[in-house]
Amino acid sequence: MKVLADTNVLFAFLDEKWDFVNIIKDAYLEVDFFVLQQSLDEIKAKRHAALEPIEWYLRKNGVKIVKGKGKADDLVFEWAKANRGVVSTRDFNLKKRLKKAGVQVISLKNNKLVL
């Protein structure tokens, strides 16, 4: 299964100490993780000091970086459709859009998966 982590999930890792990779791996046997370059750029612009620990976590867990051009939410949507992937996000509007299109969404709440 391919899972793309949205920017707000990366912030949750840092702010709320959510180990999203291992939480999701505990529920699914084979998972490949991805993150958009735009998410990392957004983190750098909003909270530059957060970028280094997030990049360390992504490298440590073998998360692949996906490049693209355009708005992050649109790229998340396009990636999910093209790769038949799952999206991990806490963004209400994005979740709604993805679910309407038939894309599986994983969210985290209190260190637990919400499907």
N, C-alpha and C. Protein backbone atom coordinates (compact mmCIF):
# COMPACT_ATOMS: atom_id res chain seq x y z
N MET A 1 0.84 -1.17 0.00
CA MET A 1 0.00 0.00 0.00
C MET A 1 0.90 1.24 0.00
N LYS A 2 0.49 2.24 -0.74
CA LYS A 2 1.22 3.50 -0.80
C LYS A 2 0.45 4.54 0.00
N VAL A 3 1.17 5.24 0.89
CA VAL A 3 0.55 6.26 1.73
C VAL A 3 1.31 7.57 1.56
N LEU A 4 0.56 8.62 1.25
CA LEU A 4 1.12 9.96 1.16
C LEU A 4 0.75 10.74 2.41
N ALA A 5 1.74 11.25 3.12
CA ALA A 5 1.50 12.04 4.34
C ALA A 5 1.41 13.52 3.96
N ASP A 6 0.33 14.15 4.38
CA ASP A 6 0.11 15.57 4.11
C ASP A 6 0.90 16.42 5.12
N THR A 7 1.04 17.70 4.82
CA THR A 7 1.82 18.62 5.66
C THR A 7 1.37 18.61 7.11
N ASN A 8 0.06 18.61 7.35
CA ASN A 8 -0.41 18.68 8.73
C ASN A 8 -0.08 17.43 9.53
N VAL A 9 0.10 16.30 8.88
CA VAL A 9 0.54 15.08 9.56
C VAL A 9 2.01 15.21 9.96
N LEU A 10 2.79 15.86 9.11
CA LEU A 10 4.20 16.10 9.45
C LEU A 10 4.31 17.03 10.65
N PHE A 11 3.48 18.06 10.69
CA PHE A 11 3.47 18.96 11.85
C PHE A 11 3.01 18.21 13.10
N ALA A 12 2.07 17.29 12.96
CA ALA A 12 1.59 16.51 14.10
C ALA A 12 2.71 15.64 14.66
N PHE A 13 3.56 15.12 13.77
CA PHE A 13 4.71 14.34 14.24
C PHE A 13 5.55 15.19 15.19
N LEU A 14 5.81 16.41 14.77
CA LEU A 14 6.67 17.28 15.55
C LEU A 14 5.97 17.83 16.79
N ASP A 15 4.78 18.36 16.62
CA ASP A 15 4.09 19.04 17.72
C ASP A 15 3.47 18.09 18.74
N GLU A 16 2.97 16.96 18.26
CA GLU A 16 2.25 16.05 19.14
C GLU A 16 2.95 14.71 19.30
N LYS A 17 4.15 14.62 18.75
CA LYS A 17 4.98 13.42 18.85
C LYS A 17 4.31 12.18 18.27
N TRP A 18 3.59 12.36 17.16
CA TRP A 18 2.94 11.24 16.50
C TRP A 18 3.91 10.54 15.57
N ASP A 19 4.20 9.31 15.85
CA ASP A 19 5.06 8.49 15.00
C ASP A 19 4.17 7.84 13.94
N PHE A 20 3.71 8.67 12.99
CA PHE A 20 2.69 8.21 12.04
C PHE A 20 3.14 7.02 11.21
N VAL A 21 4.42 6.92 10.89
CA VAL A 21 4.90 5.79 10.09
C VAL A 21 4.65 4.49 10.84
N ASN A 22 5.06 4.42 12.08
CA ASN A 22 4.89 3.17 12.83
C ASN A 22 3.45 2.91 13.24
N ILE A 23 2.68 3.96 13.48
CA ILE A 23 1.26 3.76 13.79
C ILE A 23 0.55 3.11 12.59
N ILE A 24 0.85 3.60 11.40
CA ILE A 24 0.22 3.05 10.20
C ILE A 24 0.78 1.67 9.88
N LYS A 25 2.09 1.47 10.06
CA LYS A 25 2.70 0.16 9.81
C LYS A 25 2.14 -0.90 10.74
N ASP A 26 1.76 -0.52 11.95
CA ASP A 26 1.17 -1.49 12.88
C ASP A 26 -0.17 -2.00 12.37
N ALA A 27 -0.86 -1.21 11.58
CA ALA A 27 -2.18 -1.60 11.08
C ALA A 27 -2.12 -2.29 9.71
N TYR A 28 -1.11 -1.99 8.93
CA TYR A 28 -0.98 -2.54 7.58
C TYR A 28 0.39 -3.19 7.43
N LEU A 29 0.42 -4.34 6.79
CA LEU A 29 1.67 -5.09 6.69
C LEU A 29 2.72 -4.43 5.79
N GLU A 30 2.36 -4.13 4.57
CA GLU A 30 3.33 -3.56 3.64
C GLU A 30 2.91 -2.15 3.26
N VAL A 31 3.74 -1.19 3.65
CA VAL A 31 3.42 0.22 3.40
C VAL A 31 4.66 0.93 2.88
N ASP A 32 4.47 1.68 1.80
CA ASP A 32 5.49 2.59 1.30
C ASP A 32 4.98 4.00 1.56
N PHE A 33 5.82 4.83 2.15
CA PHE A 33 5.42 6.19 2.51
C PHE A 33 6.02 7.22 1.56
N PHE A 34 5.21 8.26 1.33
CA PHE A 34 5.60 9.34 0.44
C PHE A 34 5.21 10.67 1.07
N VAL A 35 5.91 11.72 0.67
CA VAL A 35 5.57 13.08 1.08
C VAL A 35 5.90 13.99 -0.10
N LEU A 36 5.09 15.03 -0.26
CA LEU A 36 5.32 15.98 -1.35
C LEU A 36 6.46 16.94 -1.02
N GLN A 37 7.24 17.28 -2.02
CA GLN A 37 8.26 18.31 -1.84
C GLN A 37 7.59 19.62 -1.41
N GLN A 38 6.38 19.88 -1.92
CA GLN A 38 5.65 21.10 -1.55
C GLN A 38 5.35 21.14 -0.04
N SER A 39 5.13 19.97 0.55
CA SER A 39 4.90 19.92 2.00
C SER A 39 6.16 20.37 2.75
N LEU A 40 7.30 19.89 2.29
CA LEU A 40 8.56 20.29 2.93
C LEU A 40 8.83 21.78 2.70
N ASP A 41 8.51 22.27 1.52
CA ASP A 41 8.68 23.70 1.24
C ASP A 41 7.76 24.54 2.12
N GLU A 42 6.55 24.05 2.34
CA GLU A 42 5.59 24.76 3.20
C GLU A 42 6.09 24.80 4.65
N ILE A 43 6.66 23.70 5.11
CA ILE A 43 7.21 23.65 6.47
C ILE A 43 8.38 24.63 6.59
N LYS A 44 9.23 24.64 5.57
CA LYS A 44 10.38 25.55 5.58
C LYS A 44 9.93 27.00 5.64
N ALA A 45 8.86 27.33 4.91
CA ALA A 45 8.36 28.71 4.88
C ALA A 45 7.66 29.10 6.17
N LYS A 46 6.92 28.18 6.75
CA LYS A 46 6.13 28.50 7.95
C LYS A 46 6.93 28.39 9.24
N ARG A 47 7.73 27.33 9.33
CA ARG A 47 8.49 27.08 10.57
C ARG A 47 9.82 26.43 10.20
N HIS A 48 10.75 27.26 9.78
CA HIS A 48 12.02 26.77 9.26
C HIS A 48 12.72 25.80 10.22
N ALA A 49 12.69 26.08 11.51
CA ALA A 49 13.38 25.23 12.49
C ALA A 49 12.78 23.82 12.55
N ALA A 50 11.55 23.65 12.09
CA ALA A 50 10.90 22.35 12.13
C ALA A 50 11.37 21.43 11.00
N LEU A 51 11.95 22.01 9.98
CA LEU A 51 12.32 21.23 8.80
C LEU A 51 13.36 20.15 9.10
N GLU A 52 14.39 20.48 9.84
CA GLU A 52 15.46 19.52 10.10
C GLU A 52 14.98 18.26 10.82
N PRO A 53 14.25 18.37 11.95
CA PRO A 53 13.79 17.13 12.60
C PRO A 53 12.79 16.34 11.74
N ILE A 54 11.99 17.03 10.96
CA ILE A 54 11.04 16.32 10.09
C ILE A 54 11.81 15.58 9.00
N GLU A 55 12.78 16.24 8.38
CA GLU A 55 13.57 15.57 7.35
C GLU A 55 14.33 14.38 7.93
N TRP A 56 14.84 14.49 9.15
CA TRP A 56 15.52 13.37 9.81
C TRP A 56 14.56 12.19 9.95
N TYR A 57 13.36 12.46 10.44
CA TYR A 57 12.35 11.42 10.64
C TYR A 57 12.00 10.74 9.32
N LEU A 58 11.83 11.53 8.26
CA LEU A 58 11.50 10.97 6.96
C LEU A 58 12.62 10.08 6.43
N ARG A 59 13.88 10.55 6.55
CA ARG A 59 15.03 9.74 6.11
C ARG A 59 15.11 8.45 6.92
N LYS A 60 14.97 8.56 8.23
CA LYS A 60 15.06 7.40 9.13
C LYS A 60 14.05 6.33 8.76
N ASN A 61 12.88 6.75 8.29
CA ASN A 61 11.82 5.81 7.97
C ASN A 61 11.67 5.51 6.48
N GLY A 62 12.62 5.97 5.67
CA GLY A 62 12.62 5.65 4.25
C GLY A 62 11.46 6.25 3.47
N VAL A 63 10.98 7.40 3.91
CA VAL A 63 9.87 8.07 3.22
C VAL A 63 10.42 8.72 1.95
N LYS A 64 9.73 8.46 0.84
CA LYS A 64 10.16 8.99 -0.44
C LYS A 64 9.53 10.37 -0.69
N ILE A 65 10.29 11.24 -1.31
CA ILE A 65 9.81 12.58 -1.62
C ILE A 65 9.34 12.64 -3.06
N VAL A 66 8.12 13.17 -3.24
CA VAL A 66 7.50 13.28 -4.57
C VAL A 66 7.55 14.73 -5.01
N LYS A 67 8.06 14.95 -6.20
CA LYS A 67 8.13 16.31 -6.73
C LYS A 67 6.95 16.56 -7.66
N GLY A 68 6.58 17.81 -7.78
CA GLY A 68 5.49 18.18 -8.67
C GLY A 68 5.35 19.69 -8.67
N LYS A 69 4.46 20.16 -9.49
CA LYS A 69 4.23 21.60 -9.57
C LYS A 69 2.75 21.87 -9.36
N GLY A 70 2.47 22.91 -8.61
CA GLY A 70 1.08 23.28 -8.37
C GLY A 70 0.78 23.38 -6.89
N LYS A 71 -0.50 23.53 -6.58
CA LYS A 71 -0.94 23.65 -5.20
C LYS A 71 -0.86 22.29 -4.52
N ALA A 72 -0.45 22.28 -3.27
CA ALA A 72 -0.23 21.03 -2.54
C ALA A 72 -1.48 20.16 -2.50
N ASP A 73 -2.64 20.72 -2.18
CA ASP A 73 -3.86 19.90 -2.11
C ASP A 73 -4.20 19.27 -3.45
N ASP A 74 -3.99 20.00 -4.53
CA ASP A 74 -4.25 19.45 -5.86
C ASP A 74 -3.26 18.33 -6.17
N LEU A 75 -2.01 18.50 -5.78
CA LEU A 75 -1.01 17.46 -6.01
C LEU A 75 -1.29 16.21 -5.18
N VAL A 76 -1.76 16.40 -3.95
CA VAL A 76 -2.15 15.26 -3.11
C VAL A 76 -3.24 14.47 -3.81
N PHE A 77 -4.25 15.18 -4.28
CA PHE A 77 -5.38 14.56 -4.96
C PHE A 77 -4.90 13.82 -6.22
N GLU A 78 -4.09 14.47 -7.04
CA GLU A 78 -3.60 13.86 -8.28
C GLU A 78 -2.74 12.63 -7.98
N TRP A 79 -1.86 12.74 -6.98
CA TRP A 79 -1.00 11.61 -6.62
C TRP A 79 -1.85 10.42 -6.18
N ALA A 80 -2.83 10.66 -5.33
CA ALA A 80 -3.67 9.59 -4.82
C ALA A 80 -4.41 8.87 -5.94
N LYS A 81 -4.94 9.64 -6.88
CA LYS A 81 -5.67 9.03 -8.00
C LYS A 81 -4.72 8.25 -8.92
N ALA A 82 -3.57 8.85 -9.24
CA ALA A 82 -2.63 8.22 -10.17
C ALA A 82 -1.98 6.96 -9.58
N ASN A 83 -1.77 6.94 -8.27
CA ASN A 83 -1.06 5.82 -7.64
C ASN A 83 -1.98 4.87 -6.88
N ARG A 84 -3.29 5.16 -6.95
CA ARG A 84 -4.24 4.38 -6.16
C ARG A 84 -3.78 4.30 -4.71
N GLY A 85 -3.33 5.46 -4.25
CA GLY A 85 -2.74 5.53 -2.92
C GLY A 85 -3.72 5.99 -1.87
N VAL A 86 -3.26 5.91 -0.65
CA VAL A 86 -3.99 6.34 0.53
C VAL A 86 -3.36 7.64 0.99
N VAL A 87 -4.16 8.55 1.51
CA VAL A 87 -3.64 9.83 1.99
C VAL A 87 -3.85 9.92 3.49
N SER A 88 -2.80 10.27 4.19
CA SER A 88 -2.88 10.54 5.63
C SER A 88 -2.91 12.05 5.81
N THR A 89 -4.05 12.55 6.30
CA THR A 89 -4.22 13.99 6.48
C THR A 89 -5.16 14.27 7.64
N ARG A 90 -5.05 15.49 8.16
CA ARG A 90 -5.98 15.95 9.19
C ARG A 90 -6.79 17.14 8.66
N ASP A 91 -6.63 17.45 7.39
CA ASP A 91 -7.30 18.57 6.76
C ASP A 91 -8.73 18.18 6.38
N PHE A 92 -9.70 18.79 7.03
CA PHE A 92 -11.11 18.43 6.85
C PHE A 92 -11.55 18.55 5.39
N ASN A 93 -11.26 19.68 4.76
CA ASN A 93 -11.70 19.90 3.38
C ASN A 93 -11.03 18.93 2.40
N LEU A 94 -9.76 18.67 2.61
CA LEU A 94 -9.05 17.72 1.74
C LEU A 94 -9.61 16.32 1.93
N LYS A 95 -9.87 15.93 3.18
CA LYS A 95 -10.46 14.61 3.45
C LYS A 95 -11.78 14.45 2.71
N LYS A 96 -12.60 15.47 2.79
CA LYS A 96 -13.91 15.44 2.16
C LYS A 96 -13.77 15.27 0.64
N ARG A 97 -12.87 16.04 0.05
CA ARG A 97 -12.63 15.98 -1.40
C ARG A 97 -12.13 14.59 -1.82
N LEU A 98 -11.18 14.05 -1.05
CA LEU A 98 -10.61 12.75 -1.37
C LEU A 98 -11.65 11.64 -1.25
N LYS A 99 -12.40 11.65 -0.16
CA LYS A 99 -13.42 10.61 0.05
C LYS A 99 -14.49 10.65 -1.03
N LYS A 100 -14.87 11.86 -1.45
CA LYS A 100 -15.87 12.02 -2.51
C LYS A 100 -15.38 11.37 -3.81
N ALA A 101 -14.06 11.40 -4.03
CA ALA A 101 -13.47 10.82 -5.24
C ALA A 101 -13.13 9.34 -5.07
N GLY A 102 -13.44 8.78 -3.90
CA GLY A 102 -13.18 7.36 -3.67
C GLY A 102 -11.78 7.03 -3.19
N VAL A 103 -11.05 8.03 -2.72
CA VAL A 103 -9.70 7.82 -2.22
C VAL A 103 -9.77 7.50 -0.72
N GLN A 104 -9.05 6.46 -0.31
CA GLN A 104 -9.02 6.10 1.10
C GLN A 104 -8.20 7.14 1.87
N VAL A 105 -8.70 7.54 3.02
CA VAL A 105 -8.04 8.55 3.85
C VAL A 105 -7.78 7.95 5.23
N ILE A 106 -6.57 8.20 5.72
CA ILE A 106 -6.20 7.81 7.08
C ILE A 106 -5.95 9.09 7.85
N SER A 107 -6.54 9.18 9.00
CA SER A 107 -6.29 10.31 9.87
C SER A 107 -5.83 9.76 11.21
N LEU A 108 -5.21 10.60 11.99
CA LEU A 108 -4.74 10.20 13.30
C LEU A 108 -5.39 11.04 14.37
N LYS A 109 -5.81 10.39 15.43
CA LYS A 109 -6.40 11.09 16.55
C LYS A 109 -6.01 10.35 17.82
N ASN A 110 -5.41 11.05 18.74
CA ASN A 110 -4.95 10.43 20.00
C ASN A 110 -4.07 9.22 19.76
N ASN A 111 -3.15 9.36 18.79
CA ASN A 111 -2.21 8.30 18.43
C ASN A 111 -2.89 7.03 17.93
N LYS A 112 -4.08 7.18 17.37
CA LYS A 112 -4.81 6.04 16.81
C LYS A 112 -5.26 6.39 15.40
N LEU A 113 -5.40 5.36 14.59
CA LEU A 113 -5.86 5.55 13.21
C LEU A 113 -7.36 5.80 13.19
N VAL A 114 -7.76 6.70 12.32
CA VAL A 114 -9.17 6.93 12.05
C VAL A 114 -9.33 6.76 10.55
N LEU A 115 -10.13 5.78 10.15
CA LEU A 115 -10.31 5.49 8.72
C LEU A 115 -11.59 6.11 8.20
